[in-house]
Protein backbone atom coordinates (compact mmCIF):
# COMPACT_ATOMS: atom_id res chain seq x y z
CA MET A 1 -55.31 -131.41 18.13
CA VAL A 2 -55.95 -127.95 16.72
CA ALA A 3 -54.46 -128.23 13.06
CA ARG A 4 -55.60 -124.50 11.76
CA PHE A 5 -56.27 -121.40 14.05
CA GLU A 6 -56.73 -117.45 13.40
CA THR A 7 -56.01 -113.71 14.77
CA GLN A 8 -56.54 -110.10 13.95
CA ARG A 9 -54.46 -110.61 10.87
CA LEU A 10 -53.42 -114.09 10.85
CA LEU A 11 -54.57 -117.42 9.26
CA ALA A 12 -52.25 -120.55 10.98
CA ALA A 13 -52.32 -124.21 9.40
CA ARG A 14 -50.54 -127.28 10.67
CA ALA A 15 -46.98 -127.44 8.80
CA ARG A 16 -47.50 -129.68 5.80
CA PRO A 17 -45.15 -130.89 3.31
CA ASP A 18 -45.94 -127.79 1.00
CA ASP A 19 -44.25 -125.62 3.22
CA LEU A 20 -40.70 -126.42 2.15
CA ASP A 21 -40.47 -123.57 -0.72
CA ASP A 22 -41.72 -120.34 2.32
CA LEU A 23 -39.54 -122.10 4.77
CA ALA A 24 -36.36 -122.51 2.38
CA ARG A 25 -36.52 -118.81 2.11
CA MET A 26 -37.03 -118.24 5.26
CA HIS A 27 -34.15 -119.98 6.51
CA THR A 28 -31.81 -118.88 3.84
CA ASP A 29 -32.70 -115.29 4.76
CA PRO A 30 -29.81 -114.21 6.74
CA ALA A 31 -31.36 -111.26 8.71
CA VAL A 32 -34.07 -114.09 10.10
CA MET A 33 -31.15 -116.51 10.83
CA ALA A 34 -29.52 -113.81 12.06
CA THR A 35 -31.99 -114.43 14.97
CA LEU A 36 -32.06 -118.38 14.99
CA GLY A 37 -27.94 -118.79 15.31
CA GLY A 38 -26.45 -117.10 13.11
CA ARG A 39 -26.40 -119.17 10.03
CA VAL A 40 -28.52 -120.04 6.99
CA TRP A 41 -29.99 -123.49 6.37
CA THR A 42 -29.32 -125.59 3.29
CA ARG A 43 -32.66 -126.60 1.42
CA GLU A 44 -32.28 -129.98 3.10
CA GLU A 45 -31.58 -128.77 6.72
CA THR A 46 -35.12 -127.49 6.05
CA LYS A 47 -36.46 -130.10 4.99
CA ALA A 48 -35.35 -132.24 7.84
CA PHE A 49 -36.62 -129.53 9.84
CA LEU A 50 -39.47 -130.20 8.33
CA GLU A 51 -39.66 -133.97 8.40
CA ARG A 52 -39.45 -133.21 12.27
CA VAL A 53 -42.09 -130.82 12.49
CA LEU A 54 -44.43 -133.34 10.92
CA ASP A 55 -43.54 -136.07 13.13
CA HIS A 56 -43.67 -133.99 16.10
CA TRP A 57 -47.28 -133.20 15.12
CA ASP A 58 -48.20 -137.41 14.81
CA ARG A 59 -46.21 -137.89 18.37
CA HIS A 60 -47.90 -134.81 20.47
CA GLY A 61 -50.76 -133.93 18.16
CA TYR A 62 -49.51 -130.18 18.26
CA GLY A 63 -46.51 -128.28 16.60
CA VAL A 64 -45.96 -125.66 14.21
CA TRP A 65 -48.07 -123.28 12.05
CA THR A 66 -47.00 -121.66 9.24
CA LEU A 67 -48.67 -117.98 9.38
CA ARG A 68 -49.54 -116.23 6.72
CA ALA A 69 -51.32 -112.62 6.16
CA ARG A 70 -54.93 -112.78 6.05
CA GLU A 71 -55.65 -110.37 3.55
CA SER A 72 -53.31 -111.16 0.95
CA GLY A 73 -52.02 -114.91 1.97
CA ALA A 74 -48.07 -114.01 1.99
CA PHE A 75 -46.12 -115.98 4.13
CA VAL A 76 -45.36 -114.29 7.48
CA GLY A 77 -43.33 -117.14 9.28
CA ARG A 78 -43.95 -120.21 11.53
CA ALA A 79 -44.55 -119.99 15.07
CA GLY A 80 -45.61 -123.08 17.49
CA LEU A 81 -45.00 -125.56 20.12
CA ARG A 82 -42.79 -127.97 20.60
CA ARG A 83 -41.49 -130.40 23.53
CA LYS A 84 -37.94 -129.73 24.09
CA LEU A 85 -35.27 -130.92 26.71
CA ILE A 86 -34.06 -128.16 28.21
CA ASP A 87 -30.85 -128.69 31.23
CA GLY A 88 -32.48 -132.63 31.46
CA TYR A 89 -35.89 -130.83 31.79
CA GLU A 90 -38.69 -131.85 29.00
CA GLU A 91 -40.45 -128.54 28.50
CA THR A 92 -42.80 -127.70 26.08
CA GLU A 93 -41.54 -124.35 24.02
CA LEU A 94 -42.92 -121.78 22.00
CA LEU A 95 -40.92 -121.04 19.14
CA TYR A 96 -41.83 -118.70 16.47
CA ALA A 97 -39.91 -116.75 13.46
CA CYS A 98 -40.96 -114.08 10.75
CA MET A 99 -40.19 -113.13 7.60
CA PRO A 100 -38.28 -109.57 8.05
CA GLU A 101 -40.78 -107.86 5.70
CA HIS A 102 -42.87 -108.55 8.37
CA TRP A 103 -40.82 -107.56 11.78
CA ARG A 104 -41.86 -104.65 13.92
CA HIS A 105 -45.44 -104.88 12.87
CA GLY A 106 -46.76 -107.07 15.73
CA LEU A 107 -47.33 -109.93 13.70
CA THR A 108 -45.03 -112.26 15.87
CA THR A 109 -46.83 -111.32 19.37
CA GLU A 110 -50.42 -111.80 17.73
CA ALA A 111 -49.30 -115.49 16.53
CA ALA A 112 -47.65 -115.92 19.80
CA GLU A 113 -50.35 -114.44 21.75
CA GLY A 114 -52.71 -116.95 19.61
CA ILE A 115 -50.70 -120.12 20.65
CA VAL A 116 -50.37 -119.20 24.17
CA ALA A 117 -54.39 -119.53 24.95
CA ILE A 118 -54.71 -122.84 22.53
CA ALA A 119 -51.82 -124.13 24.38
CA PHE A 120 -53.60 -123.50 28.28
CA GLU A 121 -57.23 -123.39 26.82
CA ARG A 122 -56.98 -126.46 24.82
CA LEU A 123 -54.35 -128.35 25.69
CA MET A 124 -54.08 -127.78 28.66
CA MET A 125 -50.22 -127.33 29.31
CA PRO A 126 -49.30 -126.19 32.64
CA SER A 127 -46.53 -124.13 31.74
CA LEU A 128 -44.28 -122.92 28.55
CA VAL A 129 -40.93 -121.46 27.82
CA ALA A 130 -39.35 -119.81 25.31
CA PHE A 131 -35.73 -118.58 24.32
CA THR A 132 -33.39 -116.46 22.77
CA LEU A 133 -29.90 -115.54 22.47
CA PRO A 134 -29.46 -112.51 24.69
CA ALA A 135 -28.89 -109.63 22.80
CA ASN A 136 -31.80 -110.75 20.39
CA ALA A 137 -34.15 -107.94 22.09
CA ALA A 138 -37.04 -108.08 19.84
CA SER A 139 -37.71 -111.76 20.41
CA ARG A 140 -37.31 -111.07 24.06
CA ARG A 141 -40.25 -108.53 23.58
CA VAL A 142 -42.72 -110.94 21.79
CA MET A 143 -41.96 -113.14 24.89
CA GLU A 144 -43.09 -109.88 27.43
CA LYS A 145 -45.81 -108.89 25.56
CA ALA A 146 -46.69 -112.36 25.48
CA GLY A 147 -46.87 -112.67 29.28
CA PHE A 148 -43.74 -114.74 29.59
CA GLY A 149 -41.44 -113.37 32.25
CA TYR A 150 -37.31 -114.25 32.58
CA GLU A 151 -36.24 -116.74 34.13
CA ARG A 152 -33.04 -117.50 33.52
CA ASP A 153 -29.80 -117.74 31.53
CA PHE A 154 -28.50 -121.22 29.96
CA ILE A 155 -26.55 -122.81 27.60
CA HIS A 156 -28.32 -124.07 24.59
CA ALA A 157 -26.57 -125.07 20.98
CA GLY A 158 -23.06 -124.08 22.68
CA GLU A 159 -24.40 -120.43 23.40
CA LEU A 160 -25.85 -118.71 25.91
CA HIS A 161 -29.75 -118.17 25.84
CA VAL A 162 -31.97 -116.55 28.25
CA LEU A 163 -35.05 -118.98 29.40
CA TYR A 164 -38.59 -117.19 29.58
CA ARG A 165 -41.40 -118.85 31.26
CA ARG A 166 -45.10 -118.60 31.31
CA ARG A 167 -47.17 -120.78 33.83
CA GLN A 168 -50.78 -121.56 33.41
CA ARG A 169 -51.49 -120.49 36.53
CA GLN A 170 -50.94 -117.05 36.27
CA ASP A 171 -53.63 -116.98 33.74
CA ALA A 172 -56.06 -117.89 36.40
CA ALA A 173 -54.73 -115.54 39.05
CA ALA A 174 -55.34 -112.59 36.73
């Protein structure tokens, strides 16, 4: 289990119940939620999300980390790995969300790259997927910078999404 990790500018820690206020602030931000399906969440929905995240850690030994700026300790966002059923197949998804004041600084990409390294080097996962709405160019750039390639379109939550994939053996071939 990798409960904590650091990057050049971020401190990442396994999500915990104390993160509810920061996550609720993120999930009620219309700009953030426009990238995550378009609807802001209630505090209760965020609490339920956090409970699922905590349960995922207990069941799988990995999950979502909260991200904080190394210098200030400010809440940056959340990112992690979770098991997800996609078109009938269980996949491991790289997920991320960042507060608007931290957009366009490369922090989400930095977190994604750190998590990909953990997934492949420590957890020995063979493959990761990531997905977003087709119009979310910023998220697609994060995926591409983290070494993911477009695989196909698919329907998630009743909407068209783009699915990207990165395989561990790509790293070995490089």
